[in-house]
Amino acid sequence: MPDKEEPCKRLACAIQTCIQRNQFQQERCNSVVRDLHRCCADFYERHEVVDAKLRALD
């Protein structure tokens, strides 16, 4: 899928790379994890995906 549809995929892949390069010591990749969380939060804020699904259930 294009990056427009998966804007945070690059960061998700970066986490895997970071963890592998750091012998699976997750604490060494905290900044990459924070970046992914921020990206996902921004994405959901812009697209209101959760709100739309919840409204559909009402």
N, C-alpha and C. Protein backbone atom coordinates (compact mmCIF):
# COMPACT_ATOMS: atom_id res chain seq x y z
N MET A 1 0.84 -1.18 0.00
CA MET A 1 0.00 0.00 0.00
C MET A 1 0.88 1.24 0.00
N PRO A 2 0.39 2.29 -0.59
CA PRO A 2 1.16 3.53 -0.60
C PRO A 2 1.32 4.10 0.81
N ASP A 3 2.36 4.91 1.00
CA ASP A 3 2.60 5.53 2.29
C ASP A 3 1.43 6.38 2.75
N LYS A 4 0.67 6.92 1.81
CA LYS A 4 -0.47 7.76 2.18
C LYS A 4 -1.48 6.94 2.98
N GLU A 5 -1.65 5.68 2.65
CA GLU A 5 -2.59 4.81 3.35
C GLU A 5 -1.98 4.19 4.60
N GLU A 6 -0.67 4.11 4.67
CA GLU A 6 0.03 3.53 5.81
C GLU A 6 1.18 4.46 6.22
N PRO A 7 0.84 5.64 6.73
CA PRO A 7 1.87 6.64 6.99
C PRO A 7 2.86 6.24 8.09
N CYS A 8 2.50 5.31 8.95
CA CYS A 8 3.36 4.94 10.07
C CYS A 8 4.11 3.63 9.84
N LYS A 9 3.92 3.03 8.68
CA LYS A 9 4.56 1.75 8.39
C LYS A 9 6.08 1.84 8.47
N ARG A 10 6.63 2.93 7.98
CA ARG A 10 8.08 3.13 7.99
C ARG A 10 8.61 3.06 9.43
N LEU A 11 7.87 3.66 10.36
CA LEU A 11 8.30 3.65 11.76
C LEU A 11 8.14 2.27 12.39
N ALA A 12 7.09 1.57 12.02
CA ALA A 12 6.90 0.21 12.53
C ALA A 12 8.06 -0.68 12.08
N CYS A 13 8.48 -0.52 10.85
CA CYS A 13 9.62 -1.29 10.34
C CYS A 13 10.91 -0.85 11.03
N ALA A 14 11.02 0.44 11.33
CA ALA A 14 12.21 0.96 12.00
C ALA A 14 12.36 0.36 13.40
N ILE A 15 11.23 0.11 14.06
CA ILE A 15 11.29 -0.52 15.38
C ILE A 15 11.90 -1.91 15.27
N GLN A 16 11.45 -2.68 14.30
CA GLN A 16 11.99 -4.03 14.12
C GLN A 16 13.50 -3.99 13.84
N THR A 17 13.90 -3.08 12.99
CA THR A 17 15.32 -2.94 12.66
C THR A 17 16.12 -2.56 13.89
N CYS A 18 15.61 -1.59 14.65
CA CYS A 18 16.30 -1.12 15.85
C CYS A 18 16.46 -2.25 16.86
N ILE A 19 15.40 -2.98 17.09
CA ILE A 19 15.45 -4.07 18.07
C ILE A 19 16.46 -5.14 17.63
N GLN A 20 16.47 -5.46 16.36
CA GLN A 20 17.42 -6.46 15.87
C GLN A 20 18.86 -5.97 16.00
N ARG A 21 19.08 -4.70 15.65
CA ARG A 21 20.45 -4.15 15.72
C ARG A 21 20.95 -4.02 17.15
N ASN A 22 20.03 -3.94 18.09
CA ASN A 22 20.40 -3.77 19.50
C ASN A 22 20.19 -5.04 20.31
N GLN A 23 20.32 -6.18 19.67
CA GLN A 23 20.23 -7.49 20.32
C GLN A 23 18.98 -7.60 21.20
N PHE A 24 17.87 -7.11 20.67
CA PHE A 24 16.55 -7.24 21.30
C PHE A 24 16.45 -6.55 22.65
N GLN A 25 17.22 -5.49 22.84
CA GLN A 25 17.13 -4.67 24.05
C GLN A 25 16.18 -3.51 23.73
N GLN A 26 14.92 -3.69 24.07
CA GLN A 26 13.88 -2.75 23.68
C GLN A 26 14.12 -1.34 24.19
N GLU A 27 14.71 -1.21 25.37
CA GLU A 27 14.92 0.13 25.93
C GLU A 27 15.81 1.00 25.04
N ARG A 28 16.61 0.39 24.19
CA ARG A 28 17.45 1.16 23.28
C ARG A 28 16.66 1.72 22.10
N CYS A 29 15.42 1.33 21.97
CA CYS A 29 14.59 1.76 20.84
C CYS A 29 13.40 2.60 21.29
N ASN A 30 13.43 3.08 22.52
CA ASN A 30 12.29 3.84 23.04
C ASN A 30 11.93 5.05 22.20
N SER A 31 12.92 5.73 21.65
CA SER A 31 12.61 6.93 20.86
C SER A 31 11.87 6.56 19.58
N VAL A 32 12.21 5.44 18.98
CA VAL A 32 11.51 4.99 17.77
C VAL A 32 10.08 4.58 18.11
N VAL A 33 9.90 3.93 19.25
CA VAL A 33 8.56 3.54 19.69
C VAL A 33 7.72 4.78 19.94
N ARG A 34 8.29 5.79 20.60
CA ARG A 34 7.56 7.04 20.84
C ARG A 34 7.16 7.70 19.53
N ASP A 35 8.07 7.69 18.56
CA ASP A 35 7.76 8.27 17.25
C ASP A 35 6.59 7.54 16.59
N LEU A 36 6.55 6.22 16.71
CA LEU A 36 5.45 5.45 16.14
C LEU A 36 4.14 5.79 16.85
N HIS A 37 4.17 5.87 18.17
CA HIS A 37 2.95 6.22 18.92
C HIS A 37 2.44 7.59 18.50
N ARG A 38 3.35 8.54 18.34
CA ARG A 38 2.97 9.89 17.93
C ARG A 38 2.37 9.87 16.52
N CYS A 39 2.97 9.12 15.63
CA CYS A 39 2.48 9.01 14.26
C CYS A 39 1.07 8.43 14.25
N CYS A 40 0.87 7.35 15.00
CA CYS A 40 -0.45 6.71 15.04
C CYS A 40 -1.49 7.65 15.64
N ALA A 41 -1.13 8.34 16.71
CA ALA A 41 -2.07 9.28 17.34
C ALA A 41 -2.45 10.38 16.37
N ASP A 42 -1.47 10.91 15.66
CA ASP A 42 -1.74 11.96 14.66
C ASP A 42 -2.65 11.43 13.56
N PHE A 43 -2.38 10.21 13.11
CA PHE A 43 -3.18 9.62 12.05
C PHE A 43 -4.64 9.49 12.48
N TYR A 44 -4.85 8.91 13.66
CA TYR A 44 -6.22 8.70 14.13
C TYR A 44 -6.93 10.02 14.43
N GLU A 45 -6.17 11.01 14.87
CA GLU A 45 -6.77 12.32 15.11
C GLU A 45 -7.25 12.94 13.80
N ARG A 46 -6.46 12.79 12.76
CA ARG A 46 -6.83 13.37 11.45
C ARG A 46 -7.97 12.60 10.79
N HIS A 47 -8.03 11.31 10.99
CA HIS A 47 -8.99 10.50 10.27
C HIS A 47 -10.21 10.07 11.08
N GLU A 48 -10.18 10.29 12.37
CA GLU A 48 -11.31 9.98 13.23
C GLU A 48 -11.86 8.58 12.98
N VAL A 49 -10.99 7.63 12.75
CA VAL A 49 -11.39 6.26 12.44
C VAL A 49 -12.19 5.65 13.59
N VAL A 50 -11.71 5.79 14.78
CA VAL A 50 -12.37 5.18 15.93
C VAL A 50 -13.74 5.81 16.15
N ASP A 51 -13.82 7.14 16.11
CA ASP A 51 -15.10 7.82 16.31
C ASP A 51 -16.14 7.38 15.30
N ALA A 52 -15.74 7.26 14.06
CA ALA A 52 -16.69 6.87 13.01
C ALA A 52 -17.22 5.46 13.27
N LYS A 53 -16.36 4.56 13.68
CA LYS A 53 -16.80 3.19 13.95
C LYS A 53 -17.71 3.15 15.18
N LEU A 54 -17.40 3.94 16.19
CA LEU A 54 -18.25 3.97 17.38
C LEU A 54 -19.61 4.56 17.06
N ARG A 55 -19.64 5.61 16.25
CA ARG A 55 -20.92 6.21 15.87
C ARG A 55 -21.77 5.23 15.08
N ALA A 56 -21.15 4.39 14.29
CA ALA A 56 -21.89 3.41 13.49
C ALA A 56 -22.56 2.37 14.39
N LEU A 57 -22.01 2.16 15.57
CA LEU A 57 -22.58 1.19 16.50
C LEU A 57 -23.80 1.73 17.24
N ASP A 58 -23.95 3.05 17.29
CA ASP A 58 -25.10 3.66 18.00
C ASP A 58 -26.41 3.39 17.34
